[in-house]
Amino acid sequence: MMRVIAGTLLCIAALMLAGCAGSASRSVRADGETIDLMGLDKQRAQVVMAALSQVGTPYVYGGTEPGRALDCSGLTQYAHSVAGVSIPRISTAQQAAAVPVRRRPAPGDLVFFETAPSQYHVGLMVDSDRFVHASTSKQRVKLARLGGIYWQQRFLGAGTYLR
């Protein structure tokens, strides 16, 4: 219950921060790391902050309950919904419907992976290298580095629903 309250308060604070142009500090701590939101437009900041507010939430296959149970595509769908953007529920459908990103993925963009034959995974970029994702039944929502060998070997591409 405390995690849900803390995550909700972080998300509310972040949304308020994202709406405050000229704010002195536009960074947040998540999973022991600092994420800089400087220069992000309001919608990208909202998506990133909503996803970061779920760090620590347990992974549950098919999970769509922020603060209680999320899977990878449930996390990305939730984060976009906070910013008023509707995206498909399943990772493969999210990839198929997203606008392909040909440049390096930016905060708020989705990154797609094939983690095993016919098993797909999605995460949401929070800066130029880190992404947040809901990882396996033994883990929770957490940060990872796109530049890590594991993720590079499984990377399929990136897409976006944001302007």
Protein backbone atom coordinates (compact mmCIF):
# COMPACT_ATOMS: atom_id res chain seq x y z
CA MET A 1 0.00 0.00 0.00
CA MET A 2 2.84 2.40 0.84
CA ARG A 3 4.47 1.70 -2.56
CA VAL A 4 1.20 2.62 -4.33
CA ILE A 5 0.96 5.86 -2.33
CA ALA A 6 4.64 6.72 -2.87
CA GLY A 7 4.41 5.97 -6.60
CA THR A 8 1.23 8.03 -6.93
CA LEU A 9 2.78 10.97 -5.07
CA LEU A 10 5.92 10.77 -7.25
CA CYS A 11 3.76 10.76 -10.37
CA ILE A 12 1.67 13.72 -9.19
CA ALA A 13 4.77 15.69 -8.27
CA ALA A 14 6.35 14.87 -11.62
CA LEU A 15 3.28 15.92 -13.55
CA MET A 16 3.23 19.21 -11.67
CA LEU A 17 6.94 19.63 -12.37
CA ALA A 18 6.47 18.85 -16.05
CA GLY A 19 3.90 21.61 -16.29
CA CYS A 20 6.16 24.20 -14.66
CA ALA A 21 8.26 25.89 -17.31
CA GLY A 22 11.42 27.40 -15.96
CA SER A 23 11.58 25.12 -12.95
CA ALA A 24 15.05 25.13 -11.40
CA SER A 25 15.28 21.34 -11.07
CA ARG A 26 13.83 18.85 -13.52
CA SER A 27 15.29 15.59 -12.32
CA VAL A 28 14.04 12.66 -10.29
CA ARG A 29 15.62 9.70 -8.53
CA ALA A 30 14.49 6.20 -9.39
CA ASP A 31 16.05 2.84 -8.63
CA GLY A 32 18.98 4.66 -6.99
CA GLU A 33 19.73 6.70 -10.12
CA THR A 34 19.05 10.30 -11.12
CA ILE A 35 17.02 10.89 -14.27
CA ASP A 36 17.33 14.35 -15.85
CA LEU A 37 14.13 15.59 -17.50
CA MET A 38 15.55 18.94 -18.61
CA GLY A 39 14.59 19.77 -22.18
CA LEU A 40 11.72 17.25 -22.44
CA ASP A 41 8.37 18.50 -23.65
CA LYS A 42 5.46 18.12 -21.25
CA GLN A 43 4.03 14.95 -22.81
CA ARG A 44 7.38 13.10 -22.89
CA ALA A 45 8.06 14.15 -19.29
CA GLN A 46 4.63 12.85 -18.23
CA VAL A 47 5.18 9.47 -19.90
CA VAL A 48 8.67 9.09 -18.40
CA MET A 49 7.56 10.13 -14.91
CA ALA A 50 4.54 7.83 -14.97
CA ALA A 51 6.77 4.88 -15.89
CA LEU A 52 9.37 5.81 -13.27
CA SER A 53 6.64 6.05 -10.62
CA GLN A 54 6.18 2.29 -11.05
CA VAL A 55 9.78 1.29 -10.27
CA GLY A 56 9.55 -1.47 -7.67
CA THR A 57 6.09 -2.66 -8.73
CA PRO A 58 6.01 -6.47 -8.95
CA TYR A 59 6.05 -8.12 -12.39
CA VAL A 60 2.97 -10.25 -13.04
CA TYR A 61 2.26 -11.75 -16.46
CA GLY A 62 -0.77 -9.90 -17.88
CA GLY A 63 -0.50 -7.30 -15.11
CA THR A 64 -2.25 -3.97 -15.67
CA GLU A 65 -2.52 -2.64 -12.12
CA PRO A 66 -0.11 0.25 -11.42
CA GLY A 67 1.53 -0.12 -8.01
CA ARG A 68 0.36 -3.73 -7.66
CA ALA A 69 1.10 -5.84 -10.74
CA LEU A 70 2.47 -4.95 -14.17
CA ASP A 71 3.97 -6.74 -17.12
CA CYS A 72 6.15 -4.94 -19.66
CA SER A 73 3.38 -3.83 -22.02
CA GLY A 74 1.07 -3.01 -19.12
CA LEU A 75 3.74 -0.62 -17.84
CA THR A 76 4.19 1.13 -21.19
CA GLN A 77 0.44 1.32 -21.80
CA TYR A 78 -0.10 2.82 -18.32
CA ALA A 79 2.68 5.41 -18.76
CA HIS A 80 1.23 6.60 -22.04
CA SER A 81 -2.33 6.71 -20.66
CA VAL A 82 -1.21 9.13 -17.92
CA ALA A 83 -0.18 11.54 -20.71
CA GLY A 84 -3.48 11.02 -22.55
CA VAL A 85 -2.01 8.73 -25.24
CA SER A 86 -3.78 5.48 -26.07
CA ILE A 87 -1.55 2.60 -27.20
CA PRO A 88 -2.23 -1.13 -27.77
CA ARG A 89 -2.01 -3.54 -24.83
CA ILE A 90 0.43 -6.19 -26.14
CA SER A 91 4.13 -5.52 -26.88
CA THR A 92 4.00 -6.86 -30.45
CA ALA A 93 0.95 -4.71 -31.20
CA GLN A 94 2.69 -1.71 -29.59
CA GLN A 95 5.64 -2.22 -31.93
CA ALA A 96 3.46 -2.71 -35.01
CA ALA A 97 1.43 0.47 -34.38
CA ALA A 98 4.30 2.74 -33.25
CA VAL A 99 6.04 5.19 -35.57
CA PRO A 100 9.50 3.64 -36.13
CA VAL A 101 12.39 5.60 -34.62
CA ARG A 102 15.39 5.75 -36.95
CA ARG A 103 17.54 7.88 -34.64
CA ARG A 104 18.77 6.98 -31.17
CA PRO A 105 15.66 6.45 -28.99
CA ALA A 106 14.71 9.49 -26.90
CA PRO A 107 13.02 9.63 -23.48
CA GLY A 108 9.44 8.40 -23.85
CA ASP A 109 10.20 6.22 -26.90
CA LEU A 110 9.58 2.49 -26.68
CA VAL A 111 12.35 -0.07 -27.18
CA PHE A 112 11.53 -3.59 -28.36
CA PHE A 113 13.36 -6.87 -27.81
CA GLU A 114 13.06 -10.56 -28.62
CA THR A 115 14.16 -12.22 -25.37
CA ALA A 116 13.63 -15.80 -26.58
CA PRO A 117 12.17 -17.36 -29.71
CA SER A 118 8.68 -15.85 -30.08
CA GLN A 119 8.98 -14.02 -26.73
CA TYR A 120 8.91 -10.25 -26.94
CA HIS A 121 9.62 -7.48 -24.46
CA VAL A 122 9.13 -3.71 -24.39
CA GLY A 123 10.67 -0.95 -22.29
CA LEU A 124 10.40 2.84 -22.17
CA MET A 125 13.44 5.08 -22.55
CA VAL A 126 14.04 7.52 -19.69
CA ASP A 127 17.24 9.12 -21.03
CA SER A 128 19.79 8.48 -23.78
CA ASP A 129 20.82 5.04 -22.42
CA ARG A 130 18.49 3.87 -19.65
CA PHE A 131 15.03 2.40 -20.01
CA VAL A 132 12.43 1.31 -17.48
CA HIS A 133 10.77 -2.07 -17.88
CA ALA A 134 8.85 -4.78 -16.04
CA SER A 135 11.21 -7.72 -15.94
CA THR A 136 10.32 -11.40 -15.42
CA SER A 137 8.30 -13.00 -12.65
CA LYS A 138 11.33 -13.00 -10.32
CA GLN A 139 11.82 -9.23 -10.64
CA ARG A 140 10.02 -5.91 -10.50
CA VAL A 141 9.79 -2.78 -12.59
CA LYS A 142 13.35 -1.50 -12.81
CA LEU A 143 15.90 0.41 -14.88
CA ALA A 144 18.30 -1.17 -17.37
CA ARG A 145 20.88 0.13 -19.84
CA LEU A 146 20.16 -0.18 -23.55
CA GLY A 147 23.92 -0.36 -24.12
CA GLY A 148 24.22 -3.55 -22.05
CA ILE A 149 25.31 -6.64 -23.97
CA TYR A 150 22.17 -8.63 -23.06
CA TRP A 151 19.84 -5.94 -24.40
CA GLN A 152 21.95 -5.11 -27.46
CA GLN A 153 21.90 -8.76 -28.56
CA ARG A 154 18.10 -8.85 -28.33
CA PHE A 155 17.24 -5.35 -29.61
CA LEU A 156 14.65 -5.25 -32.41
CA GLY A 157 14.19 -1.49 -32.72
CA ALA A 158 12.42 1.51 -31.27
CA GLY A 159 9.11 3.24 -31.89
CA THR A 160 7.15 6.18 -30.58
CA TYR A 161 3.62 7.41 -30.03
CA LEU A 162 4.82 10.90 -29.06
CA ARG A 163 5.33 13.96 -31.22
